[in-house]
Amino acid sequence: MSTHTKRHAADREALAGPDGETVPVEAPTNSDTPARRRRRRVPEITYSVLVFIGLLVVWQVVVEMFDVSNILVPAPTAVAASLVDGFQDGSLMTHSIVTLKEILIGFGIAVGSALVSAVLITQFRTVERVLFPLLILTQTIPKVAMAPLLIVWFGIGISSKVLTVALIAFFPLLINAVLGFRSAAYEQVEMLRSFGASRMQVMRHLQIPSALPHIFAGLEVAVILSVTGAVVAEFVGSSEGLGYLIQASNFTLDVARTFAVIVVLSAVGIALHAVVVQLGKWLVFWTTTPTDTAGEV
């Protein structure tokens, strides 16, 4: 009798009752429920908030202790006061709406064009050979260098900002979408085709579900880059928007207002990223997110 067989026999004897009957063993229950994981993640969020507050306190103390000029580094209280004043007089809200519009339109164009390009590249070999190298070639051109040309071609209106956002957000999403469509197992694709499934049916039932986690990973990166693209385009040439407001504040040496605008931009980026993450959790519910995995450790 092998060692493996002897071990199983010993286990059966240990589970046997006094009269020789086998005692049923209950399967171990998984006490690590989603609610418990959420409770375990609460302290992590609390710690992050406490660290952030601590940094603000240190910032305030250092500025007051060394009497740092507001032209160099304003105190957090001065930034908060400028933030409140900006929303009260309507300037921050007006420019925020302009920048948010540029971000959303450019991001939408990037999503649509990247997904269509990814489908064509992965479904048609000729398109892949012709189009994909050209797309990679365009990505070797710095988008910051393209922004002045877009201003010359399309003016300082919203069109040049939207195109800059779309160009910056396009490529990360394209690469993730292509990888996602190609992540479907070759054996599964061939099995569906052997049962008579069309190319569209294979894509709908296999390739799209396989690609969704990759696509949302690309969306998380692209939405943050969209904020950067809008601000860069407004730096180059604009008469409105948060990027324009930063330049105007720097020109008047209102550094507190510059910090206030940066706070608003950070809030916009965090909010958009949170929306994309939440949509990913709803639509790609069968995958484990990095946050959930970290919570199980």
C-alpha atoms as a PDB file:
ATOM      1  CA  MET A   1       0.000   0.000   0.000  1.00  0.00           C
ATOM      2  CA  SER A   2       1.385   3.413  -0.973  1.00  0.00           C
ATOM      3  CA  THR A   3       2.007   6.188   1.524  1.00  0.00           C
ATOM      4  CA  HIS A   4      -0.770   8.287  -0.061  1.00  0.00           C
ATOM      5  CA  THR A   5      -3.295   5.416   0.372  1.00  0.00           C
ATOM      6  CA  LYS A   6      -2.210   4.803   3.977  1.00  0.00           C
ATOM      7  CA  ARG A   7      -2.710   8.493   4.783  1.00  0.00           C
ATOM      8  CA  HIS A   8      -6.278   8.409   3.426  1.00  0.00           C
ATOM      9  CA  ALA A   9      -7.019   5.220   5.380  1.00  0.00           C
ATOM     10  CA  ALA A  10      -5.732   6.815   8.584  1.00  0.00           C
ATOM     11  CA  ASP A  11      -7.921   9.839   7.957  1.00  0.00           C
ATOM     12  CA  ARG A  12     -10.981   7.614   7.535  1.00  0.00           C
ATOM     13  CA  GLU A  13     -10.207   5.799  10.765  1.00  0.00           C
ATOM     14  CA  ALA A  14      -9.843   9.108  12.602  1.00  0.00           C
ATOM     15  CA  LEU A  15     -13.256  10.192  11.349  1.00  0.00           C
ATOM     16  CA  ALA A  16     -14.939   6.933  12.308  1.00  0.00           C
ATOM     17  CA  GLY A  17     -17.251   6.910  15.314  1.00  0.00           C
ATOM     18  CA  PRO A  18     -17.165   4.485  18.290  1.00  0.00           C
ATOM     19  CA  ASP A  19     -19.362   1.961  16.486  1.00  0.00           C
ATOM     20  CA  GLY A  20     -17.401   2.150  13.288  1.00  0.00           C
ATOM     21  CA  GLU A  21     -19.747   4.519  11.527  1.00  0.00           C
ATOM     22  CA  THR A  22     -18.211   7.372   9.649  1.00  0.00           C
ATOM     23  CA  VAL A  23     -18.865  10.759  11.172  1.00  0.00           C
ATOM     24  CA  PRO A  24     -19.841  13.318   8.516  1.00  0.00           C
ATOM     25  CA  VAL A  25     -17.521  16.252   8.360  1.00  0.00           C
ATOM     26  CA  GLU A  26     -18.951  19.638   7.561  1.00  0.00           C
ATOM     27  CA  ALA A  27     -17.274  21.605   4.838  1.00  0.00           C
ATOM     28  CA  PRO A  28     -15.348  24.587   6.164  1.00  0.00           C
ATOM     29  CA  THR A  29     -17.370  27.731   5.920  1.00  0.00           C
ATOM     30  CA  ASN A  30     -15.890  30.772   4.322  1.00  0.00           C
ATOM     31  CA  SER A  31     -16.206  33.413   6.990  1.00  0.00           C
ATOM     32  CA  ASP A  32     -14.404  35.950   4.802  1.00  0.00           C
ATOM     33  CA  THR A  33     -17.589  37.460   3.381  1.00  0.00           C
ATOM     34  CA  PRO A  34     -17.681  40.616   1.244  1.00  0.00           C
ATOM     35  CA  ALA A  35     -19.178  42.534   4.163  1.00  0.00           C
ATOM     36  CA  ARG A  36     -16.295  41.463   6.384  1.00  0.00           C
ATOM     37  CA  ARG A  37     -13.769  42.483   3.729  1.00  0.00           C
ATOM     38  CA  ARG A  38     -15.446  45.895   3.485  1.00  0.00           C
ATOM     39  CA  ARG A  39     -15.191  46.307   7.252  1.00  0.00           C
ATOM     40  CA  ARG A  40     -11.521  45.389   7.048  1.00  0.00           C
ATOM     41  CA  ARG A  41     -10.934  48.039   4.370  1.00  0.00           C
ATOM     42  CA  VAL A  42     -12.489  50.815   6.445  1.00  0.00           C
ATOM     43  CA  PRO A  43      -9.366  51.312   8.615  1.00  0.00           C
ATOM     44  CA  GLU A  44      -7.246  51.586   5.463  1.00  0.00           C
ATOM     45  CA  ILE A  45      -9.377  54.488   4.221  1.00  0.00           C
ATOM     46  CA  THR A  46      -9.282  56.017   7.684  1.00  0.00           C
ATOM     47  CA  TYR A  47      -5.507  55.799   7.788  1.00  0.00           C
ATOM     48  CA  SER A  48      -5.235  57.460   4.388  1.00  0.00           C
ATOM     49  CA  VAL A  49      -7.442  60.339   5.521  1.00  0.00           C
ATOM     50  CA  LEU A  50      -5.469  60.717   8.736  1.00  0.00           C
ATOM     51  CA  VAL A  51      -2.164  60.759   6.847  1.00  0.00           C
ATOM     52  CA  PHE A  52      -3.536  63.378   4.454  1.00  0.00           C
ATOM     53  CA  ILE A  53      -4.738  65.549   7.329  1.00  0.00           C
ATOM     54  CA  GLY A  54      -1.377  65.112   9.034  1.00  0.00           C
ATOM     55  CA  LEU A  55       0.441  66.304   5.915  1.00  0.00           C
ATOM     56  CA  LEU A  56      -1.793  69.369   5.756  1.00  0.00           C
ATOM     57  CA  VAL A  57      -1.057  70.145   9.395  1.00  0.00           C
ATOM     58  CA  VAL A  58       2.685  69.808   8.822  1.00  0.00           C
ATOM     59  CA  TRP A  59       2.395  72.019   5.741  1.00  0.00           C
ATOM     60  CA  GLN A  60       0.533  74.685   7.709  1.00  0.00           C
ATOM     61  CA  VAL A  61       3.003  74.571  10.617  1.00  0.00           C
ATOM     62  CA  VAL A  62       6.077  74.777   8.375  1.00  0.00           C
ATOM     63  CA  VAL A  63       4.677  77.741   6.429  1.00  0.00           C
ATOM     64  CA  GLU A  64       3.825  79.641   9.610  1.00  0.00           C
ATOM     65  CA  MET A  65       7.006  78.680  11.432  1.00  0.00           C
ATOM     66  CA  PHE A  66       9.362  79.778   8.669  1.00  0.00           C
ATOM     67  CA  ASP A  67       7.122  82.640   7.503  1.00  0.00           C
ATOM     68  CA  VAL A  68       7.058  81.390   3.909  1.00  0.00           C
ATOM     69  CA  SER A  69       5.718  83.929   1.463  1.00  0.00           C
ATOM     70  CA  ASN A  70       2.371  83.223  -0.178  1.00  0.00           C
ATOM     71  CA  ILE A  71       4.025  83.884  -3.535  1.00  0.00           C
ATOM     72  CA  LEU A  72       6.183  80.798  -2.999  1.00  0.00           C
ATOM     73  CA  VAL A  73       4.031  78.337  -1.056  1.00  0.00           C
ATOM     74  CA  PRO A  74       0.671  79.407   0.364  1.00  0.00           C
ATOM     75  CA  ALA A  75      -0.667  77.827   3.526  1.00  0.00           C
ATOM     76  CA  PRO A  76      -3.467  75.256   3.251  1.00  0.00           C
ATOM     77  CA  THR A  77      -5.824  77.723   4.901  1.00  0.00           C
ATOM     78  CA  ALA A  78      -5.040  80.281   2.169  1.00  0.00           C
ATOM     79  CA  VAL A  79      -5.673  77.659  -0.501  1.00  0.00           C
ATOM     80  CA  ALA A  80      -8.981  76.714   1.121  1.00  0.00           C
ATOM     81  CA  ALA A  81     -10.005  80.386   1.314  1.00  0.00           C
ATOM     82  CA  SER A  82      -9.152  80.888  -2.363  1.00  0.00           C
ATOM     83  CA  LEU A  83     -11.090  77.742  -3.226  1.00  0.00           C
ATOM     84  CA  VAL A  84     -14.174  79.022  -1.419  1.00  0.00           C
ATOM     85  CA  ASP A  85     -13.862  82.473  -3.001  1.00  0.00           C
ATOM     86  CA  GLY A  86     -13.487  80.944  -6.461  1.00  0.00           C
ATOM     87  CA  PHE A  87     -16.716  78.994  -6.162  1.00  0.00           C
ATOM     88  CA  GLN A  88     -18.546  81.918  -4.586  1.00  0.00           C
ATOM     89  CA  ASP A  89     -17.698  84.316  -7.414  1.00  0.00           C
ATOM     90  CA  GLY A  90     -18.405  81.579  -9.985  1.00  0.00           C
ATOM     91  CA  SER A  91     -15.023  81.636 -11.714  1.00  0.00           C
ATOM     92  CA  LEU A  92     -13.959  78.146 -10.659  1.00  0.00           C
ATOM     93  CA  MET A  93     -17.310  76.624 -11.520  1.00  0.00           C
ATOM     94  CA  THR A  94     -17.426  78.276 -14.960  1.00  0.00           C
ATOM     95  CA  HIS A  95     -13.928  77.205 -15.947  1.00  0.00           C
ATOM     96  CA  SER A  96     -14.450  73.733 -14.447  1.00  0.00           C
ATOM     97  CA  ILE A  97     -17.492  73.152 -16.650  1.00  0.00           C
ATOM     98  CA  VAL A  98     -15.495  74.125 -19.752  1.00  0.00           C
ATOM     99  CA  THR A  99     -12.640  71.770 -18.915  1.00  0.00           C
ATOM    100  CA  LEU A 100     -15.002  68.955 -17.955  1.00  0.00           C
ATOM    101  CA  LYS A 101     -16.797  69.300 -21.282  1.00  0.00           C
ATOM    102  CA  GLU A 102     -13.496  69.059 -23.152  1.00  0.00           C
ATOM    103  CA  ILE A 103     -12.515  65.987 -21.141  1.00  0.00           C
ATOM    104  CA  LEU A 104     -15.784  64.127 -21.641  1.00  0.00           C
ATOM    105  CA  ILE A 105     -16.092  64.812 -25.371  1.00  0.00           C
ATOM    106  CA  GLY A 106     -12.437  63.983 -26.074  1.00  0.00           C
ATOM    107  CA  PHE A 107     -12.593  60.884 -23.898  1.00  0.00           C
ATOM    108  CA  GLY A 108     -15.735  59.718 -25.682  1.00  0.00           C
ATOM    109  CA  ILE A 109     -14.082  60.147 -29.079  1.00  0.00           C
ATOM    110  CA  ALA A 110     -11.015  58.255 -27.857  1.00  0.00           C
ATOM    111  CA  VAL A 111     -13.123  55.377 -26.508  1.00  0.00           C
ATOM    112  CA  GLY A 112     -15.164  55.017 -29.682  1.00  0.00           C
ATOM    113  CA  SER A 113     -12.241  55.227 -32.095  1.00  0.00           C
ATOM    114  CA  ALA A 114     -10.011  52.950 -29.984  1.00  0.00           C
ATOM    115  CA  LEU A 115     -12.627  50.220 -29.672  1.00  0.00           C
ATOM    116  CA  VAL A 116     -13.494  50.307 -33.370  1.00  0.00           C
ATOM    117  CA  SER A 117      -9.809  50.218 -34.288  1.00  0.00           C
ATOM    118  CA  ALA A 118      -9.201  47.307 -31.903  1.00  0.00           C
ATOM    119  CA  VAL A 119     -12.048  45.301 -33.434  1.00  0.00           C
ATOM    120  CA  LEU A 120     -10.772  45.903 -36.965  1.00  0.00           C
ATOM    121  CA  ILE A 121      -7.186  45.077 -36.017  1.00  0.00           C
ATOM    122  CA  THR A 122      -8.067  41.814 -34.270  1.00  0.00           C
ATOM    123  CA  GLN A 123     -10.635  40.613 -36.808  1.00  0.00           C
ATOM    124  CA  PHE A 124      -8.939  41.443 -40.097  1.00  0.00           C
ATOM    125  CA  ARG A 125      -5.292  40.559 -40.668  1.00  0.00           C
ATOM    126  CA  THR A 126      -4.937  43.026 -43.548  1.00  0.00           C
ATOM    127  CA  VAL A 127      -6.143  45.904 -41.384  1.00  0.00           C
ATOM    128  CA  GLU A 128      -3.698  44.873 -38.684  1.00  0.00           C
ATOM    129  CA  ARG A 129      -0.765  44.879 -41.101  1.00  0.00           C
ATOM    130  CA  VAL A 130      -1.687  48.249 -42.593  1.00  0.00           C
ATOM    131  CA  LEU A 131      -3.266  50.213 -39.735  1.00  0.00           C
ATOM    132  CA  PHE A 132      -1.469  49.058 -36.589  1.00  0.00           C
ATOM    133  CA  PRO A 133       2.056  50.168 -37.632  1.00  0.00           C
ATOM    134  CA  LEU A 134       0.671  53.580 -38.597  1.00  0.00           C
ATOM    135  CA  LEU A 135      -1.032  53.956 -35.225  1.00  0.00           C
ATOM    136  CA  ILE A 136       2.186  53.058 -33.431  1.00  0.00           C
ATOM    137  CA  LEU A 137       4.055  55.566 -35.591  1.00  0.00           C
ATOM    138  CA  THR A 138       1.681  58.342 -34.551  1.00  0.00           C
ATOM    139  CA  GLN A 139       2.336  57.558 -30.894  1.00  0.00           C
ATOM    140  CA  THR A 140       6.047  58.317 -31.301  1.00  0.00           C
ATOM    141  CA  ILE A 141       5.094  61.983 -31.766  1.00  0.00           C
ATOM    142  CA  PRO A 142       4.820  63.776 -28.408  1.00  0.00           C
ATOM    143  CA  LYS A 143       1.282  65.029 -27.941  1.00  0.00           C
ATOM    144  CA  VAL A 144       2.587  68.203 -26.312  1.00  0.00           C
ATOM    145  CA  ALA A 145       4.310  68.978 -29.614  1.00  0.00           C
ATOM    146  CA  MET A 146       1.060  68.373 -31.483  1.00  0.00           C
ATOM    147  CA  ALA A 147      -0.978  70.737 -29.307  1.00  0.00           C
ATOM    148  CA  PRO A 148       0.359  73.977 -30.894  1.00  0.00           C
ATOM    149  CA  LEU A 149      -0.365  72.596 -34.372  1.00  0.00           C
ATOM    150  CA  LEU A 150      -3.905  71.720 -33.353  1.00  0.00           C
ATOM    151  CA  ILE A 151      -4.341  75.266 -32.054  1.00  0.00           C
ATOM    152  CA  VAL A 152      -3.167  76.628 -35.429  1.00  0.00           C
ATOM    153  CA  TRP A 153      -5.407  74.282 -37.401  1.00  0.00           C
ATOM    154  CA  PHE A 154      -8.562  74.400 -35.275  1.00  0.00           C
ATOM    155  CA  GLY A 155      -8.212  77.627 -33.287  1.00  0.00           C
ATOM    156  CA  ILE A 156      -8.321  78.236 -29.542  1.00  0.00           C
ATOM    157  CA  GLY A 157     -11.885  76.973 -29.233  1.00  0.00           C
ATOM    158  CA  ILE A 158     -13.056  73.674 -27.859  1.00  0.00           C
ATOM    159  CA  SER A 159     -12.203  71.665 -31.006  1.00  0.00           C
ATOM    160  CA  SER A 160      -8.428  71.750 -30.506  1.00  0.00           C
ATOM    161  CA  LYS A 161      -8.804  70.805 -26.820  1.00  0.00           C
ATOM    162  CA  VAL A 162     -11.086  67.893 -27.618  1.00  0.00           C
ATOM    163  CA  LEU A 163      -8.700  66.538 -30.256  1.00  0.00           C
ATOM    164  CA  THR A 164      -5.745  66.828 -27.889  1.00  0.00           C
ATOM    165  CA  VAL A 165      -7.633  64.888 -25.228  1.00  0.00           C
ATOM    166  CA  ALA A 166      -8.652  62.226 -27.764  1.00  0.00           C
ATOM    167  CA  LEU A 167      -5.096  61.801 -29.052  1.00  0.00           C
ATOM    168  CA  ILE A 168      -3.644  61.403 -25.566  1.00  0.00           C
ATOM    169  CA  ALA A 169      -6.313  58.973 -24.335  1.00  0.00           C
ATOM    170  CA  PHE A 170      -6.545  56.911 -27.530  1.00  0.00           C
ATOM    171  CA  PHE A 171      -3.446  54.715 -27.516  1.00  0.00           C
ATOM    172  CA  PRO A 172      -3.543  53.223 -23.959  1.00  0.00           C
ATOM    173  CA  LEU A 173      -7.124  52.138 -24.528  1.00  0.00           C
ATOM    174  CA  LEU A 174      -6.315  50.747 -27.986  1.00  0.00           C
ATOM    175  CA  ILE A 175      -3.480  48.572 -26.692  1.00  0.00           C
ATOM    176  CA  ASN A 176      -5.562  47.200 -23.818  1.00  0.00           C
ATOM    177  CA  ALA A 177      -8.520  46.525 -26.104  1.00  0.00           C
ATOM    178  CA  VAL A 178      -6.355  44.665 -28.633  1.00  0.00           C
ATOM    179  CA  LEU A 179      -4.826  42.554 -25.852  1.00  0.00           C
ATOM    180  CA  GLY A 180      -8.283  41.907 -24.470  1.00  0.00           C
ATOM    181  CA  PHE A 181      -9.778  40.707 -27.756  1.00  0.00           C
ATOM    182  CA  ARG A 182      -6.771  38.452 -28.266  1.00  0.00           C
ATOM    183  CA  SER A 183      -6.973  37.037 -24.736  1.00  0.00           C
ATOM    184  CA  ALA A 184      -9.778  34.640 -25.679  1.00  0.00           C
ATOM    185  CA  ALA A 185      -8.457  31.064 -25.735  1.00  0.00           C
ATOM    186  CA  TYR A 186      -7.759  29.764 -29.228  1.00  0.00           C
ATOM    187  CA  GLU A 187      -9.360  26.405 -28.370  1.00  0.00           C
ATOM    188  CA  GLN A 188     -12.600  28.099 -27.343  1.00  0.00           C
ATOM    189  CA  VAL A 189     -12.693  30.166 -30.537  1.00  0.00           C
ATOM    190  CA  GLU A 190     -12.162  27.059 -32.665  1.00  0.00           C
ATOM    191  CA  MET A 191     -14.797  25.151 -30.710  1.00  0.00           C
ATOM    192  CA  LEU A 192     -17.405  27.856 -31.360  1.00  0.00           C
ATOM    193  CA  ARG A 193     -16.483  27.962 -35.026  1.00  0.00           C
ATOM    194  CA  SER A 194     -16.762  24.171 -35.272  1.00  0.00           C
ATOM    195  CA  PHE A 195     -20.347  24.480 -34.046  1.00  0.00           C
ATOM    196  CA  GLY A 196     -21.091  26.922 -36.844  1.00  0.00           C
ATOM    197  CA  ALA A 197     -20.778  30.211 -34.925  1.00  0.00           C
ATOM    198  CA  SER A 198     -20.201  33.250 -37.088  1.00  0.00           C
ATOM    199  CA  ARG A 199     -17.428  35.752 -36.505  1.00  0.00           C
ATOM    200  CA  MET A 200     -19.901  38.148 -34.904  1.00  0.00           C
ATOM    201  CA  GLN A 201     -21.232  35.452 -32.584  1.00  0.00           C
ATOM    202  CA  VAL A 202     -17.723  34.477 -31.502  1.00  0.00           C
ATOM    203  CA  MET A 203     -16.978  38.090 -30.723  1.00  0.00           C
ATOM    204  CA  ARG A 204     -20.230  38.661 -28.871  1.00  0.00           C
ATOM    205  CA  HIS A 205     -20.192  35.526 -26.723  1.00  0.00           C
ATOM    206  CA  LEU A 206     -16.455  35.018 -26.171  1.00  0.00           C
ATOM    207  CA  GLN A 207     -14.108  37.786 -27.242  1.00  0.00           C
ATOM    208  CA  ILE A 208     -16.007  40.770 -25.838  1.00  0.00           C
ATOM    209  CA  PRO A 209     -16.447  39.210 -22.351  1.00  0.00           C
ATOM    210  CA  SER A 210     -12.757  38.241 -22.396  1.00  0.00           C
ATOM    211  CA  ALA A 211     -11.757  41.765 -23.434  1.00  0.00           C
ATOM    212  CA  LEU A 212     -13.868  43.726 -20.926  1.00  0.00           C
ATOM    213  CA  PRO A 213     -11.388  43.497 -17.994  1.00  0.00           C
ATOM    214  CA  HIS A 214      -8.575  44.714 -20.251  1.00  0.00           C
ATOM    215  CA  ILE A 215     -10.760  47.454 -21.717  1.00  0.00           C
ATOM    216  CA  PHE A 216     -11.689  48.830 -18.302  1.00  0.00           C
ATOM    217  CA  ALA A 217      -8.051  48.725 -17.243  1.00  0.00           C
ATOM    218  CA  GLY A 218      -7.304  50.895 -20.270  1.00  0.00           C
ATOM    219  CA  LEU A 219     -10.246  53.173 -19.474  1.00  0.00           C
ATOM    220  CA  GLU A 220      -8.870  53.836 -15.998  1.00  0.00           C
ATOM    221  CA  VAL A 221      -5.591  55.022 -17.495  1.00  0.00           C
ATOM    222  CA  ALA A 222      -7.198  56.904 -20.371  1.00  0.00           C
ATOM    223  CA  VAL A 223      -9.590  58.916 -18.213  1.00  0.00           C
ATOM    224  CA  ILE A 224      -6.702  60.263 -16.111  1.00  0.00           C
ATOM    225  CA  LEU A 225      -4.724  61.102 -19.245  1.00  0.00           C
ATOM    226  CA  SER A 226      -7.780  62.944 -20.556  1.00  0.00           C
ATOM    227  CA  VAL A 227      -7.531  65.432 -17.697  1.00  0.00           C
ATOM    228  CA  THR A 228      -3.862  65.955 -18.477  1.00  0.00           C
ATOM    229  CA  GLY A 229      -4.611  66.433 -22.177  1.00  0.00           C
ATOM    230  CA  ALA A 230      -7.247  69.085 -21.534  1.00  0.00           C
ATOM    231  CA  VAL A 231      -4.961  71.094 -19.261  1.00  0.00           C
ATOM    232  CA  VAL A 232      -2.015  70.841 -21.680  1.00  0.00           C
ATOM    233  CA  ALA A 233      -4.176  72.069 -24.555  1.00  0.00           C
ATOM    234  CA  GLU A 234      -5.447  74.971 -22.457  1.00  0.00           C
ATOM    235  CA  PHE A 235      -1.878  75.900 -21.529  1.00  0.00           C
ATOM    236  CA  VAL A 236      -0.952  76.176 -25.207  1.00  0.00           C
ATOM    237  CA  GLY A 237      -3.810  78.445 -26.160  1.00  0.00           C
ATOM    238  CA  SER A 238      -7.169  79.108 -24.545  1.00  0.00           C
ATOM    239  CA  SER A 239      -9.417  81.837 -23.234  1.00  0.00           C
ATOM    240  CA  GLU A 240     -11.269  79.665 -20.713  1.00  0.00           C
ATOM    241  CA  GLY A 241     -10.864  76.485 -18.721  1.00  0.00           C
ATOM    242  CA  LEU A 242      -8.906  75.462 -15.649  1.00  0.00           C
ATOM    243  CA  GLY A 243      -5.598  75.444 -17.541  1.00  0.00           C
ATOM    244  CA  TYR A 244      -6.237  79.017 -18.634  1.00  0.00           C
ATOM    245  CA  LEU A 245      -7.112  79.915 -15.043  1.00  0.00           C
ATOM    246  CA  ILE A 246      -3.793  78.491 -13.822  1.00  0.00           C
ATOM    247  CA  GLN A 247      -1.878  80.636 -16.288  1.00  0.00           C
ATOM    248  CA  ALA A 248      -3.891  83.730 -15.364  1.00  0.00           C
ATOM    249  CA  SER A 249      -3.265  83.105 -11.656  1.00  0.00           C
ATOM    250  CA  ASN A 250       0.459  82.665 -12.228  1.00  0.00           C
ATOM    251  CA  PHE A 251       0.563  85.889 -14.212  1.00  0.00           C
ATOM    252  CA  THR A 252      -0.941  87.775 -11.259  1.00  0.00           C
ATOM    253  CA  LEU A 253       1.198  85.812  -8.749  1.00  0.00           C
ATOM    254  CA  ASP A 254      -1.948  84.451  -7.102  1.00  0.00           C
ATOM    255  CA  VAL A 255      -0.340  81.156  -6.145  1.00  0.00           C
ATOM    256  CA  ALA A 256      -3.131  80.301  -3.715  1.00  0.00           C
ATOM    257  CA  ARG A 257      -5.605  80.341  -6.601  1.00  0.00           C
ATOM    258  CA  THR A 258      -3.228  78.162  -8.631  1.00  0.00           C
ATOM    259  CA  PHE A 259      -3.226  75.590  -5.831  1.00  0.00           C
ATOM    260  CA  ALA A 260      -7.022  75.855  -5.628  1.00  0.00           C
ATOM    261  CA  VAL A 261      -7.317  75.070  -9.347  1.00  0.00           C
ATOM    262  CA  ILE A 262      -4.983  72.091  -8.899  1.00  0.00           C
ATOM    263  CA  VAL A 263      -7.260  70.834  -6.119  1.00  0.00           C
ATOM    264  CA  VAL A 264     -10.256  71.092  -8.444  1.00  0.00           C
ATOM    265  CA  LEU A 265      -8.396  69.244 -11.224  1.00  0.00           C
ATOM    266  CA  SER A 266      -7.457  66.492  -8.787  1.00  0.00           C
ATOM    267  CA  ALA A 267     -11.068  66.204  -7.668  1.00  0.00           C
ATOM    268  CA  VAL A 268     -12.231  65.966 -11.292  1.00  0.00           C
ATOM    269  CA  GLY A 269      -9.684  63.246 -12.052  1.00  0.00           C
ATOM    270  CA  ILE A 270     -10.550  61.267  -8.920  1.00  0.00           C
ATOM    271  CA  ALA A 271     -14.274  61.515  -9.622  1.00  0.00           C
ATOM    272  CA  LEU A 272     -13.949  60.378 -13.250  1.00  0.00           C
ATOM    273  CA  HIS A 273     -11.649  57.533 -12.266  1.00  0.00           C
ATOM    274  CA  ALA A 274     -14.096  56.430  -9.556  1.00  0.00           C
ATOM    275  CA  VAL A 275     -16.942  56.401 -12.100  1.00  0.00           C
ATOM    276  CA  VAL A 276     -14.935  54.196 -14.475  1.00  0.00           C
ATOM    277  CA  VAL A 277     -13.951  51.833 -11.654  1.00  0.00           C
ATOM    278  CA  GLN A 278     -17.551  51.519 -10.478  1.00  0.00           C
ATOM    279  CA  LEU A 279     -18.774  50.837 -14.007  1.00  0.00           C
ATOM    280  CA  GLY A 280     -16.104  48.161 -14.277  1.00  0.00           C
ATOM    281  CA  LYS A 281     -17.345  46.511 -11.088  1.00  0.00           C
ATOM    282  CA  TRP A 282     -20.900  46.487 -12.415  1.00  0.00           C
ATOM    283  CA  LEU A 283     -20.140  45.256 -15.920  1.00  0.00           C
ATOM    284  CA  VAL A 284     -17.152  42.989 -15.217  1.00  0.00           C
ATOM    285  CA  PHE A 285     -18.469  41.499 -11.991  1.00  0.00           C
ATOM    286  CA  TRP A 286     -16.894  38.083 -12.584  1.00  0.00           C
ATOM    287  CA  THR A 287     -13.328  39.319 -12.119  1.00  0.00           C
ATOM    288  CA  THR A 288     -11.506  40.076  -8.889  1.00  0.00           C
ATOM    289  CA  THR A 289     -10.368  43.655  -8.610  1.00  0.00           C
ATOM    290  CA  PRO A 290      -6.934  44.479  -7.141  1.00  0.00           C
ATOM    291  CA  THR A 291      -8.670  46.123  -4.165  1.00  0.00           C
ATOM    292  CA  ASP A 292     -10.623  42.988  -3.364  1.00  0.00           C
ATOM    293  CA  THR A 293      -7.499  40.875  -3.664  1.00  0.00           C
ATOM    294  CA  ALA A 294      -5.604  43.169  -1.297  1.00  0.00           C
ATOM    295  CA  GLY A 295      -8.470  43.012   1.178  1.00  0.00           C
ATOM    296  CA  GLU A 296      -8.239  39.235   1.367  1.00  0.00           C
ATOM    297  CA  VAL A 297      -4.605  39.272   2.488  1.00  0.00           C
END
